[in-house]
Amino acid sequence: MPRISLTPPRTPLMRLGAWYSRRKYGKVLDPGQAYGHNARVLFAYVRLEQRAAKWNALDAGLKHLAVMAAAARINCSWCLDFGYWEGRELGLAAHKIERVPQWREAREVFTEVELLVMEYAEAMTETEPAVTDELAAELIGRLGEAAFVELTAMVALENMRSRANRAFGLTSQGFAQACTVPADR
């Protein structure tokens, strides 16, 4: 049960956001409804998401695995649910996305760089970040500095998303169930 009403004032911004959300995702996203109680916060958040969507120094698959690993570490069920749908939209294999929450036990599913990215996302997500010099150097060496900065920013953004969604009390919105899982499993 959400801790905040998911029926914010029906402002022009909220009506536009609901229309866009239904068009793009098939339903109105609960986080948007929660943020809708404060138009300035909602507007700033949407702008941040729009700009972050244009970052392209980091491989989209690696970026997504990092976001999912951070969401899993925070245990944000809404984020994992939506992340599954988003990963499928990116063309990532379902068996890989499903294993992100237990990536340490499913190392054989991931490449070496994917494992490093998820390790970094988890280390960065700790309440006191646990990123080591060695891990950062390894990722910079493999990804380059621009992609490393983008990875760091994406994990930080997912920490904001996941922590806010958990604080709002948001849970799964049914995106994973709406995905068709192809026979590549």
Protein backbone atom coordinates (compact mmCIF):
# COMPACT_ATOMS: atom_id res chain seq x y z
CA MET A 1 0.00 0.00 0.00
CA PRO A 2 1.55 3.32 -1.03
CA ARG A 3 2.32 5.77 1.74
CA ILE A 4 1.24 8.66 -0.48
CA SER A 5 -1.90 9.09 -2.51
CA LEU A 6 -1.52 8.22 -6.16
CA THR A 7 -4.24 10.71 -7.08
CA PRO A 8 -2.44 14.07 -7.23
CA PRO A 9 -4.18 17.28 -8.31
CA ARG A 10 -5.18 17.08 -11.99
CA THR A 11 -3.03 19.96 -13.18
CA PRO A 12 -2.23 20.47 -16.87
CA LEU A 13 1.24 19.03 -16.20
CA MET A 14 -0.25 15.89 -14.62
CA ARG A 15 -2.75 15.44 -17.45
CA LEU A 16 0.06 15.73 -20.00
CA GLY A 17 2.25 13.36 -18.01
CA ALA A 18 -0.55 10.79 -17.69
CA TRP A 19 -1.24 10.95 -21.43
CA TYR A 20 2.45 10.48 -22.26
CA SER A 21 2.88 7.69 -19.73
CA ARG A 22 -0.15 5.74 -21.04
CA ARG A 23 1.10 6.19 -24.61
CA LYS A 24 4.68 5.08 -23.89
CA TYR A 25 4.21 2.48 -21.12
CA GLY A 26 0.56 1.43 -21.40
CA LYS A 27 -0.27 2.81 -17.96
CA VAL A 28 0.38 5.82 -15.75
CA LEU A 29 3.55 5.27 -13.73
CA ASP A 30 3.07 5.34 -9.97
CA PRO A 31 6.25 7.36 -9.28
CA GLY A 32 4.91 10.15 -11.52
CA GLN A 33 1.67 10.11 -9.58
CA ALA A 34 3.56 10.37 -6.29
CA TYR A 35 5.79 13.20 -7.50
CA GLY A 36 2.68 14.90 -8.92
CA HIS A 37 1.86 16.28 -5.48
CA ASN A 38 4.69 18.80 -5.95
CA ALA A 39 4.78 20.27 -9.47
CA ARG A 40 8.27 21.75 -9.12
CA VAL A 41 9.78 18.49 -7.94
CA LEU A 42 7.94 16.57 -10.68
CA PHE A 43 9.11 19.00 -13.37
CA ALA A 44 12.74 18.88 -12.21
CA TYR A 45 12.63 15.08 -11.98
CA VAL A 46 11.18 14.70 -15.48
CA ARG A 47 13.84 17.03 -16.89
CA LEU A 48 16.57 15.02 -15.19
CA GLU A 49 15.17 11.77 -16.61
CA GLN A 50 14.89 13.29 -20.10
CA ARG A 51 18.50 14.44 -20.02
CA ALA A 52 19.80 11.18 -18.56
CA ALA A 53 18.06 9.26 -21.35
CA LYS A 54 20.32 11.08 -23.86
CA TRP A 55 23.59 10.02 -22.23
CA ASN A 56 25.35 7.59 -24.54
CA ALA A 57 28.96 7.08 -23.45
CA LEU A 58 28.11 3.79 -21.70
CA ASP A 59 26.70 0.73 -23.45
CA ALA A 60 22.92 0.64 -22.88
CA GLY A 61 23.00 -2.98 -21.68
CA LEU A 62 25.71 -2.27 -19.11
CA LYS A 63 23.84 0.83 -17.98
CA HIS A 64 20.69 -1.20 -17.51
CA LEU A 65 22.42 -3.94 -15.53
CA ALA A 66 23.93 -1.29 -13.24
CA VAL A 67 20.52 0.30 -12.67
CA MET A 68 18.93 -3.09 -11.96
CA ALA A 69 21.75 -4.07 -9.56
CA ALA A 70 21.29 -0.83 -7.61
CA ALA A 71 17.52 -1.31 -7.50
CA ALA A 72 17.98 -4.89 -6.31
CA ARG A 73 20.41 -3.79 -3.59
CA ILE A 74 17.83 -1.28 -2.31
CA ASN A 75 15.09 -3.90 -2.81
CA CYS A 76 12.80 -1.61 -4.79
CA SER A 77 10.16 -3.95 -6.19
CA TRP A 78 8.67 -1.21 -8.37
CA CYS A 79 12.08 -0.52 -9.91
CA LEU A 80 12.81 -4.19 -10.53
CA ASP A 81 9.38 -4.72 -12.08
CA PHE A 82 9.72 -1.72 -14.39
CA GLY A 83 13.38 -2.55 -15.01
CA TYR A 84 12.44 -6.00 -16.29
CA TRP A 85 10.06 -4.43 -18.79
CA GLU A 86 12.64 -1.81 -19.74
CA GLY A 87 15.34 -4.42 -20.23
CA ARG A 88 13.12 -6.42 -22.54
CA GLU A 89 12.39 -3.22 -24.50
CA LEU A 90 16.18 -2.79 -24.88
CA GLY A 91 16.39 -6.32 -26.26
CA LEU A 92 18.22 -7.84 -23.29
CA ALA A 93 17.74 -11.55 -22.69
CA ALA A 94 15.10 -12.33 -20.09
CA HIS A 95 17.28 -14.96 -18.39
CA LYS A 96 19.95 -12.30 -17.81
CA ILE A 97 17.59 -9.62 -16.47
CA GLU A 98 15.91 -12.11 -14.13
CA ARG A 99 19.24 -13.07 -12.58
CA VAL A 100 20.45 -9.55 -11.72
CA PRO A 101 19.15 -9.65 -8.12
CA GLN A 102 21.23 -12.83 -7.57
CA TRP A 103 24.09 -12.01 -9.93
CA ARG A 104 26.75 -13.32 -7.54
CA GLU A 105 25.15 -16.78 -7.62
CA ALA A 106 24.69 -16.64 -11.42
CA ARG A 107 28.11 -15.44 -12.51
CA GLU A 108 28.11 -17.79 -15.50
CA VAL A 109 25.22 -15.80 -17.05
CA PHE A 110 27.21 -12.56 -17.24
CA THR A 111 30.39 -11.37 -18.92
CA GLU A 112 33.35 -10.21 -16.87
CA VAL A 113 32.64 -6.53 -17.52
CA GLU A 114 28.94 -6.99 -16.66
CA LEU A 115 29.96 -8.53 -13.33
CA LEU A 116 32.30 -5.59 -12.64
CA VAL A 117 29.55 -3.09 -13.48
CA MET A 118 27.08 -4.78 -11.10
CA GLU A 119 29.73 -5.02 -8.37
CA TYR A 120 30.38 -1.29 -8.78
CA ALA A 121 26.65 -0.47 -8.68
CA GLU A 122 26.24 -2.44 -5.45
CA ALA A 123 29.35 -0.91 -3.87
CA MET A 124 28.17 2.57 -4.78
CA THR A 125 24.71 1.85 -3.38
CA GLU A 126 25.91 0.92 0.11
CA THR A 127 24.91 3.47 2.74
CA GLU A 128 28.58 4.29 3.02
CA PRO A 129 29.79 3.72 -0.55
CA ALA A 130 32.22 0.81 -0.69
CA VAL A 131 33.84 1.52 -4.06
CA THR A 132 37.51 0.58 -4.05
CA ASP A 133 40.33 2.22 -5.99
CA GLU A 134 40.96 -1.13 -7.69
CA LEU A 135 37.36 -1.55 -8.86
CA ALA A 136 37.21 2.03 -10.18
CA ALA A 137 40.55 1.63 -11.98
CA GLU A 138 39.45 -1.68 -13.53
CA LEU A 139 36.24 -0.12 -14.86
CA ILE A 140 37.97 3.01 -16.15
CA GLY A 141 40.45 0.77 -17.94
CA ARG A 142 37.69 -1.28 -19.56
CA LEU A 143 35.09 1.41 -20.22
CA GLY A 144 37.01 4.69 -20.47
CA GLU A 145 36.54 7.76 -18.31
CA ALA A 146 33.43 9.14 -20.07
CA ALA A 147 31.54 5.84 -19.70
CA PHE A 148 32.75 5.49 -16.10
CA VAL A 149 31.33 8.92 -15.26
CA GLU A 150 28.04 7.98 -16.92
CA LEU A 151 27.94 4.67 -15.02
CA THR A 152 28.48 6.53 -11.75
CA ALA A 153 25.77 9.08 -12.57
CA MET A 154 23.28 6.36 -13.58
CA VAL A 155 23.83 4.41 -10.38
CA ALA A 156 23.38 7.62 -8.38
CA LEU A 157 20.16 8.37 -10.30
CA GLU A 158 18.86 4.86 -9.65
CA ASN A 159 19.65 5.27 -5.97
CA MET A 160 17.44 8.38 -6.00
CA ARG A 161 14.66 6.55 -7.85
CA SER A 162 14.76 3.39 -5.76
CA ARG A 163 15.04 5.14 -2.42
CA ALA A 164 12.19 7.52 -3.27
CA ASN A 165 9.98 4.69 -4.52
CA ARG A 166 10.67 2.65 -1.37
CA ALA A 167 9.95 5.68 0.82
CA PHE A 168 6.71 6.32 -1.09
CA GLY A 169 5.80 2.65 -0.48
CA LEU A 170 5.49 1.87 -4.19
CA THR A 171 5.51 -1.77 -5.25
CA SER A 172 5.26 -3.72 -8.48
CA GLN A 173 2.93 -2.23 -11.05
CA GLY A 174 2.71 -5.37 -13.18
CA PHE A 175 5.23 -4.61 -15.91
CA ALA A 176 7.09 -7.91 -15.68
CA GLN A 177 3.84 -9.85 -16.07
CA ALA A 178 3.04 -7.82 -19.18
CA CYS A 179 6.29 -8.86 -20.85
CA THR A 180 6.31 -11.72 -23.26
CA VAL A 181 9.24 -13.94 -22.49
CA PRO A 182 10.59 -15.45 -25.70
CA ALA A 183 12.01 -18.95 -25.99
CA ASP A 184 15.63 -17.75 -25.50
CA ARG A 185 15.45 -18.90 -21.88
